[in-house]
N, C-alpha and C. Protein backbone atom coordinates (compact mmCIF):
# COMPACT_ATOMS: atom_id res chain seq x y z
N MET A 1 35.96 73.81 32.33
CA MET A 1 36.57 73.33 31.86
C MET A 1 37.66 72.82 32.73
N VAL A 2 37.93 71.87 32.22
CA VAL A 2 39.24 70.71 33.49
C VAL A 2 40.23 71.51 33.56
N PRO A 3 40.42 71.56 35.09
CA PRO A 3 42.01 72.22 35.30
C PRO A 3 42.96 71.24 34.95
N ASP A 4 44.21 71.92 34.53
CA ASP A 4 45.10 71.48 33.81
C ASP A 4 45.76 70.59 34.74
N THR A 5 45.59 70.57 35.87
CA THR A 5 46.24 69.71 36.98
C THR A 5 45.67 67.94 36.58
N VAL A 6 44.44 68.59 36.26
CA VAL A 6 43.56 66.96 35.85
C VAL A 6 43.53 66.82 35.00
N ARG A 7 44.11 67.19 33.80
CA ARG A 7 44.17 66.87 31.97
C ARG A 7 45.07 65.93 31.89
N PRO A 8 44.40 64.87 31.51
CA PRO A 8 45.31 63.70 30.87
C PRO A 8 46.59 64.43 29.76
N LEU A 9 48.02 64.24 29.88
CA LEU A 9 48.98 64.80 28.79
C LEU A 9 49.33 63.95 27.94
N VAL A 10 48.96 63.91 26.43
CA VAL A 10 49.22 63.58 25.35
C VAL A 10 50.71 64.10 25.03
N VAL A 11 51.66 63.30 24.73
CA VAL A 11 52.95 63.68 24.30
C VAL A 11 53.13 62.85 23.08
N VAL A 12 53.62 63.91 22.07
CA VAL A 12 54.10 63.43 20.84
C VAL A 12 55.50 63.41 20.30
N THR A 13 56.16 62.26 20.64
CA THR A 13 57.79 62.59 20.54
C THR A 13 58.34 63.08 19.35
N ASP A 14 57.85 62.91 18.42
CA ASP A 14 58.26 63.19 17.37
C ASP A 14 57.33 63.65 16.08
N TYR A 15 57.73 64.40 14.86
CA TYR A 15 56.45 64.00 13.82
C TYR A 15 57.14 65.15 12.48
N THR A 16 57.10 64.37 11.46
CA THR A 16 57.87 65.13 10.17
C THR A 16 56.42 65.05 9.30
N PHE A 17 55.65 65.10 9.19
CA PHE A 17 54.43 64.74 8.76
C PHE A 17 53.58 66.30 8.08
N ARG A 18 53.53 66.85 9.25
CA ARG A 18 53.16 68.24 9.03
C ARG A 18 54.35 69.31 10.11
N ASP A 19 53.94 70.41 9.93
CA ASP A 19 54.40 71.56 10.92
C ASP A 19 53.81 71.77 12.42
N ASP A 20 52.77 71.41 12.76
CA ASP A 20 51.81 71.63 13.89
C ASP A 20 51.52 70.36 13.78
N LEU A 21 50.34 70.34 14.88
CA LEU A 21 49.80 68.97 15.81
C LEU A 21 48.53 69.58 15.69
N ALA A 22 47.56 70.37 14.91
CA ALA A 22 46.62 71.06 15.15
C ALA A 22 45.52 69.65 14.96
N VAL A 23 46.15 68.65 13.85
CA VAL A 23 44.58 67.75 13.83
C VAL A 23 44.98 66.72 15.27
N GLU A 24 45.86 67.09 15.99
CA GLU A 24 45.65 65.79 17.12
C GLU A 24 45.15 66.69 18.39
N LYS A 25 45.36 68.19 18.13
CA LYS A 25 44.85 68.65 19.07
C LYS A 25 43.10 69.13 18.67
N THR A 26 42.87 69.22 17.63
CA THR A 26 41.26 69.41 17.52
C THR A 26 40.63 67.88 17.67
N VAL A 27 41.35 66.91 17.79
CA VAL A 27 40.25 65.54 18.33
C VAL A 27 40.86 65.11 19.89
N LEU A 28 41.90 65.70 20.12
CA LEU A 28 42.08 65.17 21.78
C LEU A 28 41.89 66.36 22.73
N GLU A 29 41.76 67.75 22.54
CA GLU A 29 41.27 68.83 23.58
C GLU A 29 39.98 68.69 23.70
N PRO A 30 39.33 68.45 23.01
CA PRO A 30 37.86 68.75 23.04
C PRO A 30 37.72 67.17 24.28
N LEU A 31 38.35 66.29 24.45
CA LEU A 31 38.08 65.00 25.09
C LEU A 31 38.93 65.54 26.30
N GLY A 32 39.38 66.69 26.44
CA GLY A 32 40.03 67.14 28.18
C GLY A 32 41.61 66.53 28.46
N CYS A 33 42.04 66.33 27.02
CA CYS A 33 43.75 66.38 26.91
C CYS A 33 44.42 67.80 26.84
N THR A 34 45.55 67.46 27.27
CA THR A 34 46.67 68.52 26.84
C THR A 34 47.63 67.64 25.97
N VAL A 35 48.23 68.34 24.82
CA VAL A 35 48.82 67.48 24.27
C VAL A 35 50.09 68.67 23.59
N VAL A 36 51.04 68.12 23.83
CA VAL A 36 52.37 68.54 23.71
C VAL A 36 53.07 68.11 22.75
N GLY A 37 53.99 68.74 21.91
CA GLY A 37 54.65 68.09 20.82
C GLY A 37 56.32 68.31 20.86
N ALA A 38 57.34 67.17 20.33
CA ALA A 38 58.37 67.66 21.18
C ALA A 38 58.68 66.78 19.67
N GLN A 39 60.46 67.14 19.22
CA GLN A 39 60.82 66.81 18.27
C GLN A 39 61.84 65.79 18.52
N CYS A 40 61.78 64.91 19.20
CA CYS A 40 62.62 64.17 20.26
C CYS A 40 64.09 62.94 19.10
N ARG A 41 64.96 63.16 18.88
CA ARG A 41 65.74 62.29 18.66
C ARG A 41 66.69 61.31 19.04
N THR A 42 66.46 61.42 20.41
CA THR A 42 67.85 60.52 21.21
C THR A 42 66.96 60.31 22.24
N GLU A 43 67.28 59.22 22.93
CA GLU A 43 66.77 58.60 24.18
C GLU A 43 66.49 59.65 24.88
N GLN A 44 67.97 60.07 25.34
CA GLN A 44 68.01 60.91 26.36
C GLN A 44 66.71 61.97 26.00
N GLU A 45 66.15 62.50 24.92
CA GLU A 45 65.56 63.63 24.83
C GLU A 45 64.10 62.92 24.98
N VAL A 46 63.81 61.80 24.40
CA VAL A 46 62.56 61.07 24.68
C VAL A 46 62.39 60.55 26.22
N ILE A 47 63.63 60.37 27.00
CA ILE A 47 63.14 60.12 28.69
C ILE A 47 62.45 61.73 29.18
N ALA A 48 63.39 62.75 28.89
CA ALA A 48 62.87 63.84 29.00
C ALA A 48 61.09 64.24 28.84
N ALA A 49 61.24 63.95 27.42
CA ALA A 49 59.67 64.41 26.79
C ALA A 49 58.48 63.24 27.41
N VAL A 50 58.45 62.16 27.55
CA VAL A 50 57.64 61.48 28.23
C VAL A 50 57.31 61.17 29.74
N HIS A 51 58.25 61.51 30.56
CA HIS A 51 58.24 61.25 32.07
C HIS A 51 57.18 61.31 32.34
N ASP A 52 56.43 62.64 32.41
CA ASP A 52 54.99 62.59 33.30
C ASP A 52 53.91 62.45 31.74
N ALA A 53 54.16 61.87 30.99
CA ALA A 53 52.95 61.50 29.82
C ALA A 53 52.12 60.75 30.21
N ASP A 54 50.45 60.74 30.00
CA ASP A 54 49.71 60.04 30.30
C ASP A 54 49.72 58.79 28.61
N PHE A 55 49.93 59.43 27.74
CA PHE A 55 49.42 58.85 26.63
C PHE A 55 50.59 59.37 25.87
N VAL A 56 51.20 58.38 25.01
CA VAL A 56 52.47 58.95 23.88
C VAL A 56 52.24 58.13 22.75
N LEU A 57 52.33 59.35 21.55
CA LEU A 57 52.33 59.14 20.17
C LEU A 57 53.75 59.32 19.77
N THR A 58 54.13 58.33 18.87
CA THR A 58 55.64 58.52 18.09
C THR A 58 55.58 58.23 17.17
N GLN A 59 56.49 58.86 16.46
CA GLN A 59 56.87 58.44 14.48
C GLN A 59 57.88 57.81 14.99
N PHE A 60 59.20 57.96 14.99
CA PHE A 60 60.53 57.56 14.83
C PHE A 60 61.41 57.61 15.72
N ALA A 61 61.02 58.13 17.17
CA ALA A 61 61.86 58.40 18.20
C ALA A 61 61.99 57.15 18.87
N PRO A 62 63.32 57.19 19.33
CA PRO A 62 64.09 55.55 20.01
C PRO A 62 63.37 55.44 21.47
N LEU A 63 62.21 55.03 21.45
CA LEU A 63 61.19 54.36 22.62
C LEU A 63 62.16 53.11 23.37
N THR A 64 63.11 53.02 23.73
CA THR A 64 63.99 52.19 24.31
C THR A 64 63.46 51.75 25.86
N THR A 65 64.20 50.60 26.21
CA THR A 65 64.05 50.14 27.61
C THR A 65 63.99 51.53 28.43
N ARG A 66 65.32 52.20 28.81
CA ARG A 66 65.28 53.28 29.14
C ARG A 66 64.03 53.97 29.38
N ALA A 67 63.65 54.54 28.11
CA ALA A 67 62.85 55.50 27.78
C ALA A 67 61.39 55.42 28.89
N ILE A 68 60.94 53.50 28.44
CA ILE A 68 60.02 53.25 28.73
C ILE A 68 59.69 53.22 30.53
N GLN A 69 60.96 52.91 30.80
CA GLN A 69 60.67 53.04 32.49
C GLN A 69 60.85 54.25 33.16
N ALA A 70 61.21 55.17 32.26
CA ALA A 70 61.00 56.62 32.62
C ALA A 70 59.71 57.15 32.68
N MET A 71 59.23 56.47 32.06
CA MET A 71 57.74 56.96 31.93
C MET A 71 56.55 56.60 33.70
N ASN A 72 56.35 57.56 34.14
CA ASN A 72 55.78 57.47 35.00
C ASN A 72 54.40 57.10 35.19
N ARG A 73 53.65 57.70 34.04
CA ARG A 73 51.82 57.53 34.24
C ARG A 73 51.66 57.01 33.15
N ALA A 74 52.23 56.57 31.90
CA ALA A 74 51.88 56.21 30.79
C ALA A 74 51.18 55.30 30.56
N ARG A 75 49.77 55.13 30.29
CA ARG A 75 49.00 54.38 29.95
C ARG A 75 48.70 53.63 28.56
N LEU A 76 49.21 53.99 27.82
CA LEU A 76 49.27 54.07 26.28
C LEU A 76 50.65 54.40 25.62
N ILE A 77 51.13 53.68 24.53
CA ILE A 77 51.98 54.03 23.30
C ILE A 77 51.22 53.39 21.88
N THR A 78 51.16 54.70 21.28
CA THR A 78 50.60 54.57 19.93
C THR A 78 51.78 55.08 19.09
N ARG A 79 51.85 54.35 17.68
CA ARG A 79 52.82 54.70 16.82
C ARG A 79 52.24 54.83 15.66
N TYR A 80 52.53 56.10 15.04
CA TYR A 80 52.12 56.39 13.88
C TYR A 80 52.52 55.45 12.39
N GLY A 81 51.73 55.01 12.07
CA GLY A 81 52.48 53.88 10.92
C GLY A 81 52.03 52.50 11.27
N VAL A 82 52.84 51.62 10.50
CA VAL A 82 52.55 50.20 10.85
C VAL A 82 53.67 49.33 11.54
N GLY A 83 54.55 49.39 11.48
CA GLY A 83 55.56 49.12 12.05
C GLY A 83 55.84 49.63 13.47
N VAL A 84 56.52 49.01 14.49
CA VAL A 84 56.70 49.33 15.78
C VAL A 84 58.26 48.90 16.26
N ASP A 85 59.09 48.70 15.23
CA ASP A 85 60.43 48.38 15.58
C ASP A 85 61.36 49.49 16.55
N ASN A 86 60.70 50.79 16.60
CA ASN A 86 60.96 51.47 17.34
C ASN A 86 60.79 51.62 18.73
N VAL A 87 59.94 50.93 18.92
CA VAL A 87 59.66 50.48 20.64
C VAL A 87 60.02 49.43 20.97
N ASP A 88 60.70 49.10 22.08
CA ASP A 88 60.79 48.46 22.95
C ASP A 88 59.76 47.20 23.71
N LEU A 89 59.17 46.60 22.85
CA LEU A 89 58.02 45.80 23.22
C LEU A 89 58.31 45.13 24.49
N ASP A 90 59.35 44.18 24.68
CA ASP A 90 59.56 43.83 25.69
C ASP A 90 59.19 44.42 27.34
N ALA A 91 59.70 45.87 26.76
CA ALA A 91 59.62 46.64 27.94
C ALA A 91 58.41 47.21 28.14
N ALA A 92 57.69 47.82 27.30
CA ALA A 92 56.13 48.05 27.30
C ALA A 92 55.55 46.86 28.14
N ARG A 93 55.58 45.48 27.54
CA ARG A 93 54.87 44.23 28.05
C ARG A 93 55.61 44.58 29.57
N GLU A 94 56.50 44.90 29.72
CA GLU A 94 56.76 44.36 31.27
C GLU A 94 56.22 45.34 32.02
N ARG A 95 55.86 46.68 31.75
CA ARG A 95 55.46 47.88 32.23
C ARG A 95 53.71 47.93 32.30
N ARG A 96 53.47 46.81 31.25
CA ARG A 96 51.81 46.71 31.01
C ARG A 96 51.64 47.94 30.47
N VAL A 97 52.38 48.46 29.49
CA VAL A 97 51.63 49.62 28.54
C VAL A 97 51.14 49.11 27.52
N PRO A 98 50.00 49.30 26.71
CA PRO A 98 49.82 48.52 25.71
C PRO A 98 50.76 49.68 24.61
N VAL A 99 51.14 49.07 23.33
CA VAL A 99 51.64 49.53 22.03
C VAL A 99 50.59 49.48 21.04
N TYR A 100 50.01 50.52 20.38
CA TYR A 100 49.07 49.89 19.36
C TYR A 100 49.76 50.53 18.05
N ASN A 101 49.38 50.49 17.10
CA ASN A 101 50.05 51.18 15.43
C ASN A 101 48.39 51.22 14.52
N VAL A 102 49.08 51.83 13.50
CA VAL A 102 48.15 51.86 12.71
C VAL A 102 48.26 50.79 11.02
N PRO A 103 47.44 50.13 11.43
CA PRO A 103 47.89 48.79 10.54
C PRO A 103 47.48 49.26 8.81
N ASP A 104 46.72 50.37 8.92
CA ASP A 104 46.04 50.19 7.92
C ASP A 104 46.55 51.81 6.91
N TYR A 105 48.01 51.98 7.68
CA TYR A 105 48.70 53.13 6.74
C TYR A 105 49.30 53.19 5.73
N CYS A 106 48.84 54.12 4.76
CA CYS A 106 49.64 53.99 3.38
C CYS A 106 50.00 53.03 2.95
N ILE A 107 48.84 51.93 3.05
CA ILE A 107 48.80 50.76 2.36
C ILE A 107 48.88 50.86 0.38
N ASP A 108 47.92 51.79 0.06
CA ASP A 108 48.13 51.72 -1.34
C ASP A 108 49.27 52.67 -1.75
N GLU A 109 49.82 53.53 -1.21
CA GLU A 109 50.81 54.21 -1.41
C GLU A 109 52.09 53.77 -1.43
N VAL A 110 52.35 52.60 -0.34
CA VAL A 110 53.63 51.75 -0.66
C VAL A 110 53.24 50.90 -1.31
N ALA A 111 52.30 50.28 -1.84
CA ALA A 111 52.34 49.77 -3.04
C ALA A 111 52.36 50.15 -4.33
N ASP A 112 51.58 51.15 -4.28
CA ASP A 112 52.18 51.60 -5.73
C ASP A 112 53.31 52.08 -6.19
N HIS A 113 54.27 52.83 -4.84
CA HIS A 113 55.72 52.83 -5.11
C HIS A 113 56.20 51.91 -5.23
N THR A 114 56.06 50.45 -4.53
CA THR A 114 56.74 49.35 -5.15
C THR A 114 56.55 49.08 -6.59
N LEU A 115 55.47 48.89 -6.93
CA LEU A 115 55.22 48.56 -8.06
C LEU A 115 56.27 49.74 -9.37
N GLY A 116 55.88 51.21 -9.04
CA GLY A 116 56.97 52.42 -9.35
C GLY A 116 58.70 51.35 -9.38
N LEU A 117 58.84 51.47 -8.86
CA LEU A 117 60.21 50.86 -8.60
C LEU A 117 60.25 49.53 -9.39
N ILE A 118 59.77 48.87 -9.36
CA ILE A 118 59.52 47.59 -10.30
C ILE A 118 59.55 47.98 -11.27
N LEU A 119 58.97 48.75 -12.05
CA LEU A 119 58.50 49.74 -13.36
C LEU A 119 59.97 49.84 -13.62
N ALA A 120 60.27 51.26 -12.80
CA ALA A 120 61.55 51.74 -13.30
C ALA A 120 62.89 50.73 -13.78
N LEU A 121 62.84 50.09 -12.70
CA LEU A 121 63.83 48.86 -12.69
C LEU A 121 63.90 48.00 -14.21
N THR A 122 62.90 47.49 -14.21
CA THR A 122 62.50 46.62 -15.30
C THR A 122 62.54 47.32 -16.88
N ARG A 123 62.11 48.73 -16.58
CA ARG A 123 61.72 49.38 -17.99
C ARG A 123 63.22 50.58 -18.22
N GLN A 124 64.02 50.15 -17.40
CA GLN A 124 64.88 51.72 -17.42
C GLN A 124 65.07 52.37 -17.34
N ILE A 125 63.87 53.18 -16.38
CA ILE A 125 62.97 54.58 -16.59
C ILE A 125 64.06 55.54 -16.45
N ALA A 126 65.23 55.31 -14.90
CA ALA A 126 65.58 55.93 -14.58
C ALA A 126 66.90 56.25 -15.38
N VAL A 127 67.72 55.17 -15.89
CA VAL A 127 68.76 55.46 -16.83
C VAL A 127 68.51 56.25 -18.23
N LEU A 128 67.21 55.70 -18.46
CA LEU A 128 66.58 56.48 -19.81
C LEU A 128 66.41 57.99 -19.70
N SER A 129 66.25 58.52 -18.41
CA SER A 129 65.62 59.81 -18.34
C SER A 129 67.23 60.65 -17.91
N ALA A 130 67.98 59.84 -17.43
CA ALA A 130 69.11 60.68 -16.97
C ALA A 130 69.99 60.67 -18.69
N GLY A 131 69.99 59.54 -19.20
CA GLY A 131 70.39 59.92 -20.63
C GLY A 131 69.85 60.98 -21.45
N VAL A 132 68.49 61.33 -21.12
CA VAL A 132 67.95 62.35 -22.27
C VAL A 132 68.28 63.43 -21.79
N LYS A 133 68.58 63.77 -20.62
CA LYS A 133 69.14 64.98 -19.93
C LYS A 133 70.67 65.01 -20.29
N ALA A 134 70.69 64.19 -20.25
CA ALA A 134 72.30 64.47 -20.42
C ALA A 134 72.79 64.48 -22.34
N GLY A 135 71.65 64.55 -22.82
CA GLY A 135 71.93 64.47 -24.23
C GLY A 135 72.37 63.37 -25.28
N ARG A 136 72.02 62.04 -24.24
CA ARG A 136 72.06 60.97 -25.43
C ARG A 136 71.19 60.50 -25.65
N TRP A 137 70.87 60.98 -26.49
CA TRP A 137 69.30 60.27 -27.07
C TRP A 137 69.78 59.17 -27.81
N THR A 138 70.66 59.35 -28.43
CA THR A 138 71.31 57.51 -29.59
C THR A 138 71.85 56.67 -28.94
N SER A 139 71.89 56.64 -27.59
CA SER A 139 72.83 55.64 -27.02
C SER A 139 72.15 55.16 -25.79
N PRO A 140 70.38 54.50 -26.07
CA PRO A 140 69.96 54.12 -24.68
C PRO A 140 70.64 52.68 -24.40
N PRO A 141 69.92 52.15 -22.99
CA PRO A 141 70.70 51.14 -22.63
C PRO A 141 70.62 49.54 -23.39
N SER A 142 70.97 48.45 -23.23
CA SER A 142 70.84 48.01 -24.46
C SER A 142 69.77 46.95 -24.15
N LEU A 143 68.78 46.71 -25.56
CA LEU A 143 67.79 45.92 -25.15
C LEU A 143 67.58 44.60 -24.33
N GLN A 144 68.91 44.20 -24.19
CA GLN A 144 68.65 43.05 -23.28
C GLN A 144 68.38 43.39 -21.74
N SER A 145 68.82 44.64 -21.58
CA SER A 145 68.49 45.18 -19.95
C SER A 145 66.94 45.61 -19.68
N PHE A 146 65.88 45.27 -21.00
CA PHE A 146 64.73 45.55 -20.38
C PHE A 146 63.97 44.25 -20.50
N HIS A 147 62.86 44.26 -19.44
CA HIS A 147 62.11 42.91 -18.94
C HIS A 147 60.96 43.37 -19.07
N ALA A 148 60.13 42.33 -19.64
CA ALA A 148 58.52 42.42 -19.66
C ALA A 148 58.47 41.60 -17.88
N LEU A 149 57.28 42.24 -17.52
CA LEU A 149 56.69 41.54 -15.78
C LEU A 149 56.31 40.20 -16.76
N SER A 150 56.05 39.83 -17.42
CA SER A 150 54.96 38.65 -17.40
C SER A 150 56.21 37.61 -17.93
N GLU A 151 57.65 37.97 -18.03
CA GLU A 151 58.89 36.94 -18.50
C GLU A 151 59.61 36.97 -17.27
N LEU A 152 58.82 37.53 -15.89
CA LEU A 152 60.11 37.39 -14.81
C LEU A 152 59.24 36.56 -13.53
N THR A 153 59.67 36.28 -12.52
CA THR A 153 59.79 35.77 -11.98
C THR A 153 59.36 36.50 -10.36
N THR A 154 58.36 37.02 -10.23
CA THR A 154 58.71 38.24 -8.81
C THR A 154 58.35 37.55 -7.32
N GLY A 155 58.90 37.41 -5.98
CA GLY A 155 58.99 37.13 -4.87
C GLY A 155 58.73 37.76 -4.07
N VAL A 156 57.42 37.35 -3.29
CA VAL A 156 57.19 38.52 -2.38
C VAL A 156 57.15 37.69 -1.24
N VAL A 157 57.83 38.72 -0.01
CA VAL A 157 57.99 38.13 1.06
C VAL A 157 57.27 38.98 1.93
N GLY A 158 56.21 38.48 2.65
CA GLY A 158 55.21 39.24 3.67
C GLY A 158 53.90 39.28 3.00
N CYS A 159 52.84 38.56 3.03
CA CYS A 159 51.62 38.37 2.58
C CYS A 159 50.53 39.64 3.17
N GLY A 160 51.16 40.18 4.66
CA GLY A 160 49.84 41.55 4.83
C GLY A 160 48.99 41.92 3.98
N ARG A 161 48.50 43.42 4.46
CA ARG A 161 47.93 44.01 3.94
C ARG A 161 48.76 45.07 2.81
N ILE A 162 50.01 45.29 3.08
CA ILE A 162 50.70 45.86 2.02
C ILE A 162 51.35 44.67 0.85
N GLY A 163 51.66 43.77 1.22
CA GLY A 163 51.70 42.66 0.37
C GLY A 163 51.02 42.15 -0.41
N ARG A 164 49.88 41.94 -0.12
CA ARG A 164 48.65 41.79 -0.98
C ARG A 164 48.08 42.77 -1.96
N ALA A 165 48.25 44.34 -1.65
CA ALA A 165 48.12 45.13 -2.20
C ALA A 165 49.02 45.05 -3.75
N VAL A 166 50.36 44.31 -2.94
CA VAL A 166 51.26 44.65 -4.68
C VAL A 166 50.95 43.70 -5.00
N ILE A 167 50.64 42.06 -4.57
CA ILE A 167 50.36 41.08 -5.12
C ILE A 167 49.21 41.31 -6.34
N ALA A 168 48.08 42.20 -5.89
CA ALA A 168 46.93 42.49 -7.07
C ALA A 168 47.42 43.16 -7.93
N ARG A 169 48.28 44.56 -7.44
CA ARG A 169 49.17 45.14 -8.68
C ARG A 169 49.85 44.69 -9.46
N LEU A 170 50.67 43.40 -9.66
CA LEU A 170 51.73 42.58 -10.06
C LEU A 170 50.72 41.81 -11.36
N THR A 171 49.40 40.70 -10.56
CA THR A 171 49.12 40.08 -10.94
C THR A 171 48.45 40.08 -12.36
N PRO A 172 47.91 41.71 -13.02
CA PRO A 172 47.45 42.30 -14.28
C PRO A 172 48.51 41.79 -15.33
N PHE A 173 49.57 41.88 -14.57
CA PHE A 173 50.77 42.17 -15.62
C PHE A 173 51.55 40.32 -16.31
N GLY A 174 50.82 39.56 -15.64
CA GLY A 174 51.60 38.45 -15.89
C GLY A 174 52.10 37.76 -15.25
N ALA A 175 53.01 38.58 -14.60
CA ALA A 175 54.07 37.71 -13.91
C ALA A 175 53.53 36.78 -12.69
N ARG A 176 54.66 35.86 -12.79
CA ARG A 176 54.53 34.28 -11.74
C ARG A 176 55.17 35.26 -10.56
N ILE A 177 54.48 34.49 -9.74
CA ILE A 177 54.68 35.41 -8.32
C ILE A 177 55.01 34.06 -7.18
N LEU A 178 55.90 34.31 -6.55
CA LEU A 178 56.33 33.40 -5.50
C LEU A 178 56.13 34.09 -4.13
N ALA A 179 55.61 33.40 -3.49
CA ALA A 179 54.89 34.36 -2.05
C ALA A 179 55.76 33.52 -1.10
N HIS A 180 55.79 34.09 0.34
CA HIS A 180 56.28 33.53 1.79
C HIS A 180 55.78 33.94 2.74
N ASP A 181 54.97 33.49 3.44
CA ASP A 181 54.65 34.34 4.83
C ASP A 181 54.33 33.43 5.77
N PRO A 182 54.81 32.92 6.93
CA PRO A 182 55.07 32.23 7.80
C PRO A 182 53.35 32.16 8.46
N ALA A 183 52.89 33.27 8.57
CA ALA A 183 51.71 33.28 9.25
C ALA A 183 50.51 32.72 8.07
N LEU A 184 50.37 32.58 7.09
CA LEU A 184 49.39 32.03 6.54
C LEU A 184 49.74 30.51 5.80
N SER A 185 49.16 30.07 5.74
CA SER A 185 49.15 28.32 5.25
C SER A 185 48.92 28.49 3.70
N ALA A 186 49.48 27.65 3.17
CA ALA A 186 49.55 27.51 1.73
C ALA A 186 48.38 27.69 0.91
N GLU A 187 47.23 27.38 1.59
CA GLU A 187 46.30 27.30 0.74
C GLU A 187 45.68 28.77 0.52
N ARG A 188 45.87 29.72 1.78
CA ARG A 188 45.58 31.07 1.70
C ARG A 188 46.41 31.85 1.09
N ILE A 189 47.64 31.37 0.57
CA ILE A 189 48.75 31.81 -0.22
C ILE A 189 48.22 31.63 -1.54
N ALA A 190 47.83 30.36 -1.98
CA ALA A 190 47.77 30.20 -3.43
C ALA A 190 46.29 30.98 -3.65
N ALA A 191 45.49 31.29 -2.79
CA ALA A 191 44.19 31.95 -3.06
C ALA A 191 44.66 33.33 -3.59
N LEU A 192 45.66 34.30 -3.20
CA LEU A 192 45.89 35.50 -3.77
C LEU A 192 46.44 34.91 -5.32
N GLY A 193 46.57 33.86 -5.76
CA GLY A 193 47.14 33.74 -7.14
C GLY A 193 48.74 33.52 -6.85
N CYS A 194 49.10 33.22 -5.99
CA CYS A 194 50.72 33.00 -5.91
C CYS A 194 51.11 32.14 -5.93
N ALA A 195 52.47 31.12 -6.07
CA ALA A 195 52.62 30.03 -4.68
C ALA A 195 53.31 30.31 -4.37
N PRO A 196 52.97 29.37 -2.89
CA PRO A 196 53.42 29.19 -1.85
C PRO A 196 55.03 28.42 -1.99
N VAL A 197 55.93 29.37 -1.32
CA VAL A 197 57.38 28.29 -1.22
C VAL A 197 58.07 28.90 0.04
N SER A 198 59.33 27.97 0.31
CA SER A 198 59.73 28.56 0.90
C SER A 198 60.90 29.97 0.73
N VAL A 199 61.50 30.42 1.88
CA VAL A 199 62.17 31.80 1.53
C VAL A 199 63.07 31.77 0.94
N ASP A 200 64.00 30.25 1.17
CA ASP A 200 65.03 29.66 0.22
C ASP A 200 64.76 29.69 -1.04
N GLN A 201 63.35 28.88 -1.45
CA GLN A 201 63.20 28.50 -2.38
C GLN A 201 63.08 30.31 -3.51
N LEU A 202 62.34 31.17 -2.53
CA LEU A 202 62.34 32.32 -3.11
C LEU A 202 62.88 33.11 -3.35
N PHE A 203 63.93 33.04 -3.16
CA PHE A 203 65.22 33.66 -2.98
C PHE A 203 65.88 33.21 -4.60
N ALA A 204 65.68 31.25 -4.41
CA ALA A 204 66.45 31.23 -5.32
C ALA A 204 66.14 31.38 -7.05
N GLU A 205 64.79 31.29 -6.83
CA GLU A 205 63.69 31.72 -8.00
C GLU A 205 63.50 32.52 -8.68
N SER A 206 63.81 33.57 -7.69
CA SER A 206 63.12 34.97 -7.95
C SER A 206 63.86 35.64 -9.17
N ASP A 207 63.51 36.70 -9.77
CA ASP A 207 63.99 37.60 -10.58
C ASP A 207 64.16 39.22 -10.14
N LEU A 208 63.00 39.16 -9.38
CA LEU A 208 62.35 40.59 -8.42
C LEU A 208 62.39 39.88 -6.96
N ILE A 209 62.71 40.47 -5.92
CA ILE A 209 62.12 40.39 -4.86
C ILE A 209 61.64 41.81 -4.05
N THR A 210 60.47 41.55 -3.20
CA THR A 210 59.83 42.75 -2.48
C THR A 210 59.52 42.42 -1.41
N LEU A 211 59.78 42.90 -0.57
CA LEU A 211 60.22 42.71 0.87
C LEU A 211 58.83 43.46 1.52
N HIS A 212 57.83 42.96 2.26
CA HIS A 212 56.87 43.21 2.92
C HIS A 212 56.87 42.98 4.25
N CYS A 213 57.57 42.41 4.77
CA CYS A 213 57.28 41.73 6.04
C CYS A 213 57.93 43.08 7.38
N PRO A 214 57.54 42.45 8.44
CA PRO A 214 57.54 43.12 9.45
C PRO A 214 59.31 43.47 10.23
N SER A 215 59.77 44.53 10.63
CA SER A 215 60.91 44.28 11.07
C SER A 215 60.99 43.89 12.58
N THR A 216 61.25 42.63 12.62
CA THR A 216 61.28 41.86 13.62
C THR A 216 62.57 40.97 14.31
N ALA A 217 62.79 40.50 15.33
CA ALA A 217 64.25 40.03 15.28
C ALA A 217 64.81 38.80 14.69
N GLU A 218 63.08 38.03 13.90
CA GLU A 218 63.09 36.89 12.95
C GLU A 218 63.17 37.75 11.59
N THR A 219 63.09 38.29 11.11
CA THR A 219 63.52 39.06 9.52
C THR A 219 64.46 39.75 9.50
N ARG A 220 65.19 40.33 11.00
CA ARG A 220 66.47 41.64 10.63
C ARG A 220 67.63 40.31 10.15
N HIS A 221 67.81 40.82 9.21
CA HIS A 221 69.14 40.97 8.14
C HIS A 221 68.54 39.33 7.14
N LEU A 222 67.40 39.65 7.13
CA LEU A 222 66.93 38.79 5.90
C LEU A 222 67.39 38.71 4.97
N ILE A 223 68.03 39.99 4.53
CA ILE A 223 68.94 39.99 3.39
C ILE A 223 70.16 40.15 3.86
N ASP A 224 70.96 38.72 3.75
CA ASP A 224 72.46 38.55 3.91
C ASP A 224 73.59 38.09 3.29
N ALA A 225 74.48 37.08 3.56
CA ALA A 225 75.15 36.65 2.66
C ALA A 225 74.50 35.34 2.21
N HIS A 226 73.66 34.70 3.26
CA HIS A 226 73.58 33.39 2.58
C HIS A 226 72.26 33.94 1.36
N SER A 227 71.20 34.66 1.81
CA SER A 227 70.15 35.18 0.92
C SER A 227 70.67 35.62 -0.35
N LEU A 228 71.80 36.23 -0.50
CA LEU A 228 72.49 36.86 -1.96
C LEU A 228 73.09 35.94 -2.48
N ALA A 229 73.21 34.66 -1.85
CA ALA A 229 74.34 33.78 -2.45
C ALA A 229 73.17 32.61 -3.09
């Protein structure tokens, strides 16, 4: 067995997906790693946990500039999930610590849930369910509050893996779909069956808007007084 003093230390800053790290240990311990879990919620807790880590796995814990600067030996940071907005990428870049994500995490689950929310809204499902539970069988919402997706325009902001999965689910309903993604050409967006538009046009013409863009400095506060107006 490799002595503990030379075994790479993998620190999991936080996890809510299971009660233990059995999967991580099953994969990493045979490779000679020691896996240690924490449930960090604050910057200070992260700093204490990652101080001597060789590799860091993180879910939601704040990997701030100070937390990354406190890493004495870290060679890699990996985020459970798609977004990396809880990791200070500039600080990691300065320390030359690569940051990885899991780009195909929960694509179908998020896309299904998005469609579920759209149908719940357009078909008044939550309101009807609450009415039935309250005994209001004969006083449903007005017919004007129900909408067929084929009569509506849906705007999709972000045409990455999840955005494309949502578009594929909306298409059979006959919805008119507008899409905006600065990383894709108009031709590539049109090939998805959508009308490529500016974000302002999308906000102006859409009955429904679904956001599937990463959380970055450019997209933060995308929904603001201007877009709502």
